[in-house]
Amino acid sequence: MLAYARSAGVEIAPHAKTPMAPDLTRLIIDAGAWGATVADIRQASVMLRAGLSRLILANEVGGVGGARRLAQLVAAWPKAEPYVFADSTAAVHALADAWRDHGSLPPLGVLVEVGAGRAGARSLGKALEVVSAVRAAGDRLTLAGVAAYEGSATQLTPEQTEEAISGLLKLSVELLRDVRERTEPDAPLIVTAGGSMFFDEVVAAIAGARRGLRDRAIR
């Protein structure tokens, strides 16, 4: 899988939630994975305690309470490099407030999530509202990129599923272009569409977006 990702010009952050085995996660990262994905703050704490710092939290963190718990966790592990999903202005405000309460923390990387089944903004307009909220948070949050989860877009028939997946990936690429326009030209950006059912379509869309933008700062 790592060889496939390299040949396609993308990187992977394997989801650690099924085995929850830090040693296995470390082996995969040492073999070339970009980082690891976890489902929630509890799983992030397990990986951080094991010395694994670059993490994608592939769910919303849970409002004000979740944002505060995440801030406390990151404060306890200074080397942490978390990236979190946000699909609403309310989620962004909760994260920004929690990071203001911990003024010594570095800015939190936020991935604006679009969706077709589980979570995520359902339109470009709604996603751009989230983008604006992140930018309005000043130096507490960083607009780190775009996220989606294609696995939950599965429909009743293969044809409907193909249409849903294609639409979600198209929305992700459109949002990525807008995010790039709203960030510094050389600012690093992440675009991730997690899941394992349609990874070939995800890879084609992400690699195509990078080539289309001719942007080496997108990963």
C-alpha atoms as a PDB file:
ATOM      1  CA  MET A   1       0.000   0.000   0.000  1.00  0.00           C
ATOM      2  CA  LEU A   2       2.861   2.364   0.790  1.00  0.00           C
ATOM      3  CA  ALA A   3       4.450   1.581  -2.567  1.00  0.00           C
ATOM      4  CA  TYR A   4       1.127   2.216  -4.306  1.00  0.00           C
ATOM      5  CA  ALA A   5       0.740   5.565  -2.539  1.00  0.00           C
ATOM      6  CA  ARG A   6       4.251   6.642  -3.486  1.00  0.00           C
ATOM      7  CA  SER A   7       3.727   5.640  -7.111  1.00  0.00           C
ATOM      8  CA  ALA A   8       0.518   7.687  -7.207  1.00  0.00           C
ATOM      9  CA  GLY A   9       2.134  10.765  -5.674  1.00  0.00           C
ATOM     10  CA  VAL A  10       0.098  10.738  -2.454  1.00  0.00           C
ATOM     11  CA  GLU A  11       0.738   9.897   1.202  1.00  0.00           C
ATOM     12  CA  ILE A  12      -1.255   7.916   3.743  1.00  0.00           C
ATOM     13  CA  ALA A  13      -2.022   8.239   7.435  1.00  0.00           C
ATOM     14  CA  PRO A  14      -3.401   4.789   8.332  1.00  0.00           C
ATOM     15  CA  HIS A  15      -6.289   4.623  10.786  1.00  0.00           C
ATOM     16  CA  ALA A  16      -5.141   3.159  14.098  1.00  0.00           C
ATOM     17  CA  LYS A  17      -8.590   2.614  15.592  1.00  0.00           C
ATOM     18  CA  THR A  18      -9.058  -1.082  14.780  1.00  0.00           C
ATOM     19  CA  PRO A  19      -5.959  -2.603  16.438  1.00  0.00           C
ATOM     20  CA  MET A  20      -5.171   0.412  18.670  1.00  0.00           C
ATOM     21  CA  ALA A  21      -1.615  -0.918  18.749  1.00  0.00           C
ATOM     22  CA  PRO A  22       0.938   1.908  18.948  1.00  0.00           C
ATOM     23  CA  ASP A  23       3.818  -0.423  18.056  1.00  0.00           C
ATOM     24  CA  LEU A  24       2.094  -1.429  14.826  1.00  0.00           C
ATOM     25  CA  THR A  25       1.336   2.209  14.039  1.00  0.00           C
ATOM     26  CA  ARG A  26       4.968   3.137  14.646  1.00  0.00           C
ATOM     27  CA  LEU A  27       6.156   0.372  12.304  1.00  0.00           C
ATOM     28  CA  ILE A  28       3.941   1.718   9.517  1.00  0.00           C
ATOM     29  CA  ILE A  29       5.130   5.288  10.077  1.00  0.00           C
ATOM     30  CA  ASP A  30       8.755   4.145  10.118  1.00  0.00           C
ATOM     31  CA  ALA A  31       8.072   2.388   6.821  1.00  0.00           C
ATOM     32  CA  GLY A  32       6.993   5.676   5.242  1.00  0.00           C
ATOM     33  CA  ALA A  33       3.470   6.624   6.321  1.00  0.00           C
ATOM     34  CA  TRP A  34       2.958  10.380   6.786  1.00  0.00           C
ATOM     35  CA  GLY A  35       1.293   9.982  10.170  1.00  0.00           C
ATOM     36  CA  ALA A  36      -1.618   8.201  11.824  1.00  0.00           C
ATOM     37  CA  THR A  37      -5.366   8.708  11.960  1.00  0.00           C
ATOM     38  CA  VAL A  38      -7.437   8.256  15.125  1.00  0.00           C
ATOM     39  CA  ALA A  39     -11.146   8.391  15.766  1.00  0.00           C
ATOM     40  CA  ASP A  40     -11.282  10.569  18.856  1.00  0.00           C
ATOM     41  CA  ILE A  41      -9.448  12.277  21.706  1.00  0.00           C
ATOM     42  CA  ARG A  42      -9.087   9.053  23.725  1.00  0.00           C
ATOM     43  CA  GLN A  43      -7.314   7.317  20.871  1.00  0.00           C
ATOM     44  CA  ALA A  44      -5.157  10.381  20.299  1.00  0.00           C
ATOM     45  CA  SER A  45      -4.029  10.222  23.933  1.00  0.00           C
ATOM     46  CA  VAL A  46      -2.936   6.596  23.494  1.00  0.00           C
ATOM     47  CA  MET A  47      -0.815   7.447  20.472  1.00  0.00           C
ATOM     48  CA  LEU A  48       0.685  10.549  22.064  1.00  0.00           C
ATOM     49  CA  ARG A  49       1.692   8.598  25.157  1.00  0.00           C
ATOM     50  CA  ALA A  50       3.462   6.175  22.820  1.00  0.00           C
ATOM     51  CA  GLY A  51       5.422   9.012  21.216  1.00  0.00           C
ATOM     52  CA  LEU A  52       3.411   9.237  17.986  1.00  0.00           C
ATOM     53  CA  SER A  53       2.761  12.921  17.479  1.00  0.00           C
ATOM     54  CA  ARG A  54       1.398  13.591  13.966  1.00  0.00           C
ATOM     55  CA  LEU A  55      -2.286  12.675  14.150  1.00  0.00           C
ATOM     56  CA  ILE A  56      -5.453  13.299  12.163  1.00  0.00           C
ATOM     57  CA  LEU A  57      -8.596  13.222  14.318  1.00  0.00           C
ATOM     58  CA  ALA A  58     -11.096  11.973  11.772  1.00  0.00           C
ATOM     59  CA  ASN A  59     -14.255  12.998  13.624  1.00  0.00           C
ATOM     60  CA  GLU A  60     -15.623  16.211  15.061  1.00  0.00           C
ATOM     61  CA  VAL A  61     -14.202  16.620  18.564  1.00  0.00           C
ATOM     62  CA  GLY A  62     -17.579  17.172  20.270  1.00  0.00           C
ATOM     63  CA  GLY A  63     -18.346  20.830  20.835  1.00  0.00           C
ATOM     64  CA  VAL A  64     -17.114  22.956  23.725  1.00  0.00           C
ATOM     65  CA  GLY A  65     -16.328  20.044  26.049  1.00  0.00           C
ATOM     66  CA  GLY A  66     -14.416  18.126  23.405  1.00  0.00           C
ATOM     67  CA  ALA A  67     -12.458  21.203  22.353  1.00  0.00           C
ATOM     68  CA  ARG A  68     -11.389  21.829  25.946  1.00  0.00           C
ATOM     69  CA  ARG A  69     -10.312  18.216  26.429  1.00  0.00           C
ATOM     70  CA  LEU A  70      -8.303  18.342  23.221  1.00  0.00           C
ATOM     71  CA  ALA A  71      -6.587  21.559  24.308  1.00  0.00           C
ATOM     72  CA  GLN A  72      -5.681  19.998  27.643  1.00  0.00           C
ATOM     73  CA  LEU A  73      -4.288  16.933  25.888  1.00  0.00           C
ATOM     74  CA  VAL A  74      -2.160  18.971  23.483  1.00  0.00           C
ATOM     75  CA  ALA A  75      -0.923  21.106  26.380  1.00  0.00           C
ATOM     76  CA  ALA A  76       0.294  17.943  28.088  1.00  0.00           C
ATOM     77  CA  TRP A  77       2.150  16.770  24.976  1.00  0.00           C
ATOM     78  CA  PRO A  78       4.068  19.748  23.505  1.00  0.00           C
ATOM     79  CA  LYS A  79       5.308  17.745  20.514  1.00  0.00           C
ATOM     80  CA  ALA A  80       1.765  16.913  19.407  1.00  0.00           C
ATOM     81  CA  GLU A  81       0.896  17.809  15.813  1.00  0.00           C
ATOM     82  CA  PRO A  82      -2.882  17.289  15.633  1.00  0.00           C
ATOM     83  CA  TYR A  83      -5.170  18.047  12.698  1.00  0.00           C
ATOM     84  CA  VAL A  84      -8.891  18.137  13.430  1.00  0.00           C
ATOM     85  CA  PHE A  85     -12.029  18.046  11.303  1.00  0.00           C
ATOM     86  CA  ALA A  86     -14.558  20.886  11.483  1.00  0.00           C
ATOM     87  CA  ASP A  87     -17.801  21.086   9.511  1.00  0.00           C
ATOM     88  CA  SER A  88     -19.597  24.011  11.175  1.00  0.00           C
ATOM     89  CA  THR A  89     -18.891  27.492  12.464  1.00  0.00           C
ATOM     90  CA  ALA A  90     -19.982  26.332  15.940  1.00  0.00           C
ATOM     91  CA  ALA A  91     -17.255  23.668  15.944  1.00  0.00           C
ATOM     92  CA  VAL A  92     -14.679  26.242  14.870  1.00  0.00           C
ATOM     93  CA  HIS A  93     -15.751  28.701  17.576  1.00  0.00           C
ATOM     94  CA  ALA A  94     -15.458  25.980  20.243  1.00  0.00           C
ATOM     95  CA  LEU A  95     -11.937  25.105  19.107  1.00  0.00           C
ATOM     96  CA  ALA A  96     -10.868  28.745  18.905  1.00  0.00           C
ATOM     97  CA  ASP A  97     -12.185  29.503  22.407  1.00  0.00           C
ATOM     98  CA  ALA A  98     -10.416  26.471  23.876  1.00  0.00           C
ATOM     99  CA  TRP A  99      -7.140  27.481  22.227  1.00  0.00           C
ATOM    100  CA  ARG A 100      -7.509  31.048  23.507  1.00  0.00           C
ATOM    101  CA  ASP A 101      -7.855  29.658  27.019  1.00  0.00           C
ATOM    102  CA  HIS A 102      -4.488  27.928  26.483  1.00  0.00           C
ATOM    103  CA  GLY A 103      -2.579  30.845  25.033  1.00  0.00           C
ATOM    104  CA  SER A 104       0.755  29.033  25.052  1.00  0.00           C
ATOM    105  CA  LEU A 105      -0.429  26.390  22.581  1.00  0.00           C
ATOM    106  CA  PRO A 106       0.678  26.645  18.954  1.00  0.00           C
ATOM    107  CA  PRO A 107      -2.129  27.191  16.416  1.00  0.00           C
ATOM    108  CA  LEU A 108      -4.353  24.168  15.839  1.00  0.00           C
ATOM    109  CA  GLY A 109      -4.527  22.821  12.303  1.00  0.00           C
ATOM    110  CA  VAL A 110      -8.143  22.635  11.112  1.00  0.00           C
ATOM    111  CA  LEU A 111      -9.290  20.555   8.135  1.00  0.00           C
ATOM    112  CA  VAL A 112     -12.619  21.787   6.776  1.00  0.00           C
ATOM    113  CA  GLU A 113     -14.782  18.698   6.277  1.00  0.00           C
ATOM    114  CA  VAL A 114     -17.231  18.158   3.448  1.00  0.00           C
ATOM    115  CA  GLY A 115     -19.532  15.163   3.472  1.00  0.00           C
ATOM    116  CA  ALA A 116     -22.162  13.057   1.786  1.00  0.00           C
ATOM    117  CA  GLY A 117     -23.315  10.648   4.476  1.00  0.00           C
ATOM    118  CA  ARG A 118     -21.929  10.897   8.000  1.00  0.00           C
ATOM    119  CA  ALA A 119     -20.806  14.450   8.691  1.00  0.00           C
ATOM    120  CA  GLY A 120     -19.297  17.352   6.790  1.00  0.00           C
ATOM    121  CA  ALA A 121     -20.624  20.453   5.053  1.00  0.00           C
ATOM    122  CA  ARG A 122     -22.925  19.493   2.216  1.00  0.00           C
ATOM    123  CA  SER A 123     -22.239  22.434  -0.094  1.00  0.00           C
ATOM    124  CA  LEU A 124     -19.381  24.675  -1.115  1.00  0.00           C
ATOM    125  CA  GLY A 125     -21.148  27.656   0.422  1.00  0.00           C
ATOM    126  CA  LYS A 126     -21.477  25.996   3.832  1.00  0.00           C
ATOM    127  CA  ALA A 127     -17.877  24.836   3.704  1.00  0.00           C
ATOM    128  CA  LEU A 128     -16.687  28.363   2.927  1.00  0.00           C
ATOM    129  CA  GLU A 129     -18.537  29.609   6.011  1.00  0.00           C
ATOM    130  CA  VAL A 130     -16.359  27.241   8.027  1.00  0.00           C
ATOM    131  CA  VAL A 131     -13.275  28.492   6.195  1.00  0.00           C
ATOM    132  CA  SER A 132     -14.169  32.079   7.097  1.00  0.00           C
ATOM    133  CA  ALA A 133     -14.655  31.137  10.750  1.00  0.00           C
ATOM    134  CA  VAL A 134     -11.220  29.508  10.888  1.00  0.00           C
ATOM    135  CA  ARG A 135      -9.575  32.556   9.364  1.00  0.00           C
ATOM    136  CA  ALA A 136     -11.437  34.834  11.781  1.00  0.00           C
ATOM    137  CA  ALA A 137      -9.897  32.954  14.728  1.00  0.00           C
ATOM    138  CA  GLY A 138      -6.629  34.758  14.145  1.00  0.00           C
ATOM    139  CA  ASP A 139      -3.490  33.046  15.341  1.00  0.00           C
ATOM    140  CA  ARG A 140      -5.330  30.400  17.377  1.00  0.00           C
ATOM    141  CA  LEU A 141      -6.336  28.245  14.400  1.00  0.00           C
ATOM    142  CA  THR A 142      -4.642  27.459  11.115  1.00  0.00           C
ATOM    143  CA  LEU A 143      -6.535  26.669   7.918  1.00  0.00           C
ATOM    144  CA  ALA A 144      -4.716  23.403   7.258  1.00  0.00           C
ATOM    145  CA  GLY A 145      -6.724  21.954   4.381  1.00  0.00           C
ATOM    146  CA  VAL A 146      -9.744  19.895   3.360  1.00  0.00           C
ATOM    147  CA  ALA A 147     -11.143  16.581   4.591  1.00  0.00           C
ATOM    148  CA  ALA A 148     -13.846  14.114   3.599  1.00  0.00           C
ATOM    149  CA  TYR A 149     -14.916  10.552   4.364  1.00  0.00           C
ATOM    150  CA  GLU A 150     -16.081   8.727   1.263  1.00  0.00           C
ATOM    151  CA  GLY A 151     -16.968   5.448   2.950  1.00  0.00           C
ATOM    152  CA  SER A 152     -20.224   6.805   4.347  1.00  0.00           C
ATOM    153  CA  ALA A 153     -21.375   7.940   0.909  1.00  0.00           C
ATOM    154  CA  THR A 154     -22.313   4.397  -0.137  1.00  0.00           C
ATOM    155  CA  GLN A 155     -25.790   4.222  -1.683  1.00  0.00           C
ATOM    156  CA  LEU A 156     -28.312   1.486  -2.587  1.00  0.00           C
ATOM    157  CA  THR A 157     -26.893   0.748  -6.046  1.00  0.00           C
ATOM    158  CA  PRO A 158     -23.400   0.859  -7.559  1.00  0.00           C
ATOM    159  CA  GLU A 159     -24.516   3.605  -9.910  1.00  0.00           C
ATOM    160  CA  GLN A 160     -25.838   5.776  -7.089  1.00  0.00           C
ATOM    161  CA  THR A 161     -22.702   5.109  -5.066  1.00  0.00           C
ATOM    162  CA  GLU A 162     -20.472   6.148  -7.952  1.00  0.00           C
ATOM    163  CA  GLU A 163     -22.447   9.360  -8.355  1.00  0.00           C
ATOM    164  CA  ALA A 164     -22.223  10.142  -4.633  1.00  0.00           C
ATOM    165  CA  ILE A 165     -18.488   9.439  -4.410  1.00  0.00           C
ATOM    166  CA  SER A 166     -17.754  11.466  -7.527  1.00  0.00           C
ATOM    167  CA  GLY A 167     -19.804  14.365  -6.203  1.00  0.00           C
ATOM    168  CA  LEU A 168     -18.052  14.319  -2.835  1.00  0.00           C
ATOM    169  CA  LEU A 169     -14.607  14.254  -4.387  1.00  0.00           C
ATOM    170  CA  LYS A 170     -15.542  17.044  -6.804  1.00  0.00           C
ATOM    171  CA  LEU A 171     -16.712  19.152  -3.853  1.00  0.00           C
ATOM    172  CA  SER A 172     -13.471  18.406  -2.008  1.00  0.00           C
ATOM    173  CA  VAL A 173     -11.370  19.571  -4.956  1.00  0.00           C
ATOM    174  CA  GLU A 174     -13.476  22.722  -5.420  1.00  0.00           C
ATOM    175  CA  LEU A 175     -13.057  23.571  -1.751  1.00  0.00           C
ATOM    176  CA  LEU A 176      -9.318  22.910  -1.935  1.00  0.00           C
ATOM    177  CA  ARG A 177      -8.989  25.470  -4.719  1.00  0.00           C
ATOM    178  CA  ASP A 178     -10.838  28.061  -2.643  1.00  0.00           C
ATOM    179  CA  VAL A 179      -8.792  27.259   0.461  1.00  0.00           C
ATOM    180  CA  ARG A 180      -5.573  27.723  -1.522  1.00  0.00           C
ATOM    181  CA  GLU A 181      -6.765  31.146  -2.658  1.00  0.00           C
ATOM    182  CA  ARG A 182      -7.366  32.127   0.981  1.00  0.00           C
ATOM    183  CA  THR A 183      -3.963  31.033   2.295  1.00  0.00           C
ATOM    184  CA  GLU A 184      -0.408  32.099   1.622  1.00  0.00           C
ATOM    185  CA  PRO A 185       0.898  30.651  -1.663  1.00  0.00           C
ATOM    186  CA  ASP A 186       3.554  28.540   0.060  1.00  0.00           C
ATOM    187  CA  ALA A 187       1.479  27.560   3.114  1.00  0.00           C
ATOM    188  CA  PRO A 188       1.336  23.746   3.433  1.00  0.00           C
ATOM    189  CA  LEU A 189      -2.119  22.254   2.903  1.00  0.00           C
ATOM    190  CA  ILE A 190      -3.557  18.787   3.445  1.00  0.00           C
ATOM    191  CA  VAL A 191      -6.364  17.203   1.469  1.00  0.00           C
ATOM    192  CA  THR A 192      -7.563  13.886   2.857  1.00  0.00           C
ATOM    193  CA  ALA A 193     -10.484  11.648   1.979  1.00  0.00           C
ATOM    194  CA  GLY A 194     -10.284   8.714   4.356  1.00  0.00           C
ATOM    195  CA  GLY A 195     -11.710   5.246   4.079  1.00  0.00           C
ATOM    196  CA  SER A 196     -10.653   2.067   2.325  1.00  0.00           C
ATOM    197  CA  MET A 197     -13.544   1.169   0.035  1.00  0.00           C
ATOM    198  CA  PHE A 198     -12.888   3.631  -2.790  1.00  0.00           C
ATOM    199  CA  PHE A 199      -9.258   4.569  -2.247  1.00  0.00           C
ATOM    200  CA  ASP A 200      -8.448   4.330  -5.952  1.00  0.00           C
ATOM    201  CA  GLU A 201     -10.983   7.042  -6.761  1.00  0.00           C
ATOM    202  CA  VAL A 202      -9.753   9.137  -3.838  1.00  0.00           C
ATOM    203  CA  VAL A 203      -6.136   8.856  -4.984  1.00  0.00           C
ATOM    204  CA  ALA A 204      -7.053   9.808  -8.546  1.00  0.00           C
ATOM    205  CA  ALA A 205      -8.961  12.882  -7.369  1.00  0.00           C
ATOM    206  CA  ILE A 206      -6.282  14.074  -4.923  1.00  0.00           C
ATOM    207  CA  ALA A 207      -3.379  13.478  -7.275  1.00  0.00           C
ATOM    208  CA  GLY A 208      -5.317  15.212 -10.049  1.00  0.00           C
ATOM    209  CA  ALA A 209      -6.015  18.212  -7.841  1.00  0.00           C
ATOM    210  CA  ARG A 210      -2.342  18.581  -6.985  1.00  0.00           C
ATOM    211  CA  ARG A 211      -1.348  18.407 -10.628  1.00  0.00           C
ATOM    212  CA  GLY A 212      -4.094  20.854 -11.591  1.00  0.00           C
ATOM    213  CA  LEU A 213      -2.970  23.395  -9.042  1.00  0.00           C
ATOM    214  CA  ARG A 214       0.721  22.640  -9.667  1.00  0.00           C
ATOM    215  CA  ASP A 215       1.205  23.092  -5.955  1.00  0.00           C
ATOM    216  CA  ARG A 216       3.936  21.157  -4.180  1.00  0.00           C
ATOM    217  CA  ALA A 217       2.747  22.506  -0.809  1.00  0.00           C
ATOM    218  CA  ILE A 218      -0.404  20.334  -1.017  1.00  0.00           C
ATOM    219  CA  ARG A 219      -0.119  16.855   0.401  1.00  0.00           C
END
